[in-house]
Amino acid sequence: MKQERLSEIIELYRHRAKTARDASLFDKSREMDDFADFVENNAGAFLDDAYSRESELWEEYENNPG
């Protein structure tokens, strides 16, 4: 997963949280902010996992070309 995609997810959920707050849906707003916080706080782990998996897949491909 690319850093840009993680940033898009965070931005999307921050926007959804604001929309929920504007509609006085405070529980939903909190859930959206909590999810955005989770993604933001764990972005490094998501990226590390994605790069590791990509490396594994590439290695498998190189070792089994046919």
C-alpha atoms as a PDB file:
ATOM      1  CA  MET A   1       0.000   0.000   0.000  1.00  0.00           C
ATOM      2  CA  LYS A   2       1.406   3.361  -0.949  1.00  0.00           C
ATOM      3  CA  GLN A   3       1.793   6.306   1.400  1.00  0.00           C
ATOM      4  CA  GLU A   4      -0.452   8.392  -0.865  1.00  0.00           C
ATOM      5  CA  ARG A   5      -3.274   5.852  -0.529  1.00  0.00           C
ATOM      6  CA  LEU A   6      -2.980   5.842   3.252  1.00  0.00           C
ATOM      7  CA  SER A   7      -3.103   9.639   3.243  1.00  0.00           C
ATOM      8  CA  GLU A   8      -6.242   9.510   1.082  1.00  0.00           C
ATOM      9  CA  ILE A   9      -7.911   7.107   3.523  1.00  0.00           C
ATOM     10  CA  ILE A  10      -7.040   9.330   6.484  1.00  0.00           C
ATOM     11  CA  GLU A  11      -8.317  12.432   4.694  1.00  0.00           C
ATOM     12  CA  LEU A  12     -11.528  10.681   3.645  1.00  0.00           C
ATOM     13  CA  TYR A  13     -12.349   9.582   7.197  1.00  0.00           C
ATOM     14  CA  ARG A  14     -11.467  12.983   8.652  1.00  0.00           C
ATOM     15  CA  HIS A  15     -13.904  14.493   6.149  1.00  0.00           C
ATOM     16  CA  ARG A  16     -16.575  11.927   7.034  1.00  0.00           C
ATOM     17  CA  ALA A  17     -16.049  12.667  10.723  1.00  0.00           C
ATOM     18  CA  LYS A  18     -16.566  16.386  10.103  1.00  0.00           C
ATOM     19  CA  THR A  19     -19.706  15.694   8.079  1.00  0.00           C
ATOM     20  CA  ALA A  20     -21.049  13.524  10.911  1.00  0.00           C
ATOM     21  CA  ARG A  21     -20.256  16.259  13.472  1.00  0.00           C
ATOM     22  CA  ASP A  22     -22.043  18.829  11.318  1.00  0.00           C
ATOM     23  CA  ALA A  23     -25.091  16.544  11.337  1.00  0.00           C
ATOM     24  CA  SER A  24     -24.808  16.136  15.147  1.00  0.00           C
ATOM     25  CA  LEU A  25     -23.924  12.454  14.789  1.00  0.00           C
ATOM     26  CA  PHE A  26     -21.234  12.595  17.436  1.00  0.00           C
ATOM     27  CA  ASP A  27     -20.860   8.833  18.016  1.00  0.00           C
ATOM     28  CA  LYS A  28     -20.383   8.255  14.286  1.00  0.00           C
ATOM     29  CA  SER A  29     -17.984  11.206  14.119  1.00  0.00           C
ATOM     30  CA  ARG A  30     -15.900   9.722  16.933  1.00  0.00           C
ATOM     31  CA  GLU A  31     -15.802   6.347  15.161  1.00  0.00           C
ATOM     32  CA  MET A  32     -14.597   7.994  11.948  1.00  0.00           C
ATOM     33  CA  ASP A  33     -11.918   9.995  13.786  1.00  0.00           C
ATOM     34  CA  ASP A  34     -10.830   6.887  15.702  1.00  0.00           C
ATOM     35  CA  PHE A  35     -10.405   4.967  12.445  1.00  0.00           C
ATOM     36  CA  ALA A  36      -8.453   7.821  10.867  1.00  0.00           C
ATOM     37  CA  ASP A  37      -6.240   7.929  13.975  1.00  0.00           C
ATOM     38  CA  PHE A  38      -5.701   4.166  13.762  1.00  0.00           C
ATOM     39  CA  VAL A  39      -4.618   4.330  10.116  1.00  0.00           C
ATOM     40  CA  GLU A  40      -2.411   7.342  10.804  1.00  0.00           C
ATOM     41  CA  ASN A  41      -0.772   5.749  13.844  1.00  0.00           C
ATOM     42  CA  ASN A  42      -0.147   2.457  12.033  1.00  0.00           C
ATOM     43  CA  ALA A  43       0.803   3.756   8.581  1.00  0.00           C
ATOM     44  CA  GLY A  44       4.399   2.651   8.994  1.00  0.00           C
ATOM     45  CA  ALA A  45       3.388  -0.905   9.824  1.00  0.00           C
ATOM     46  CA  PHE A  46       0.980  -1.016   6.876  1.00  0.00           C
ATOM     47  CA  LEU A  47       3.722   0.165   4.532  1.00  0.00           C
ATOM     48  CA  ASP A  48       6.272  -2.280   5.973  1.00  0.00           C
ATOM     49  CA  ASP A  49       3.840  -5.176   5.544  1.00  0.00           C
ATOM     50  CA  ALA A  50       3.042  -4.142   1.982  1.00  0.00           C
ATOM     51  CA  TYR A  51       6.720  -3.841   1.030  1.00  0.00           C
ATOM     52  CA  SER A  52       7.511  -7.186   2.652  1.00  0.00           C
ATOM     53  CA  ARG A  53       4.693  -8.903   0.795  1.00  0.00           C
ATOM     54  CA  GLU A  54       5.719  -7.272  -2.470  1.00  0.00           C
ATOM     55  CA  SER A  55       9.291  -8.520  -1.974  1.00  0.00           C
ATOM     56  CA  GLU A  56       8.035 -12.026  -1.236  1.00  0.00           C
ATOM     57  CA  LEU A  57       5.867 -12.062  -4.344  1.00  0.00           C
ATOM     58  CA  TRP A  58       8.693 -10.772  -6.526  1.00  0.00           C
ATOM     59  CA  GLU A  59      11.073 -13.389  -5.117  1.00  0.00           C
ATOM     60  CA  GLU A  60       8.522 -16.150  -5.818  1.00  0.00           C
ATOM     61  CA  TYR A  61       8.104 -14.852  -9.359  1.00  0.00           C
ATOM     62  CA  GLU A  62      11.846 -14.773 -10.004  1.00  0.00           C
ATOM     63  CA  ASN A  63      12.295 -18.295  -8.610  1.00  0.00           C
ATOM     64  CA  ASN A  64       9.356 -19.734 -10.561  1.00  0.00           C
ATOM     65  CA  PRO A  65       9.262 -17.889 -13.903  1.00  0.00           C
ATOM     66  CA  GLY A  66       7.249 -20.450 -15.786  1.00  0.00           C
END
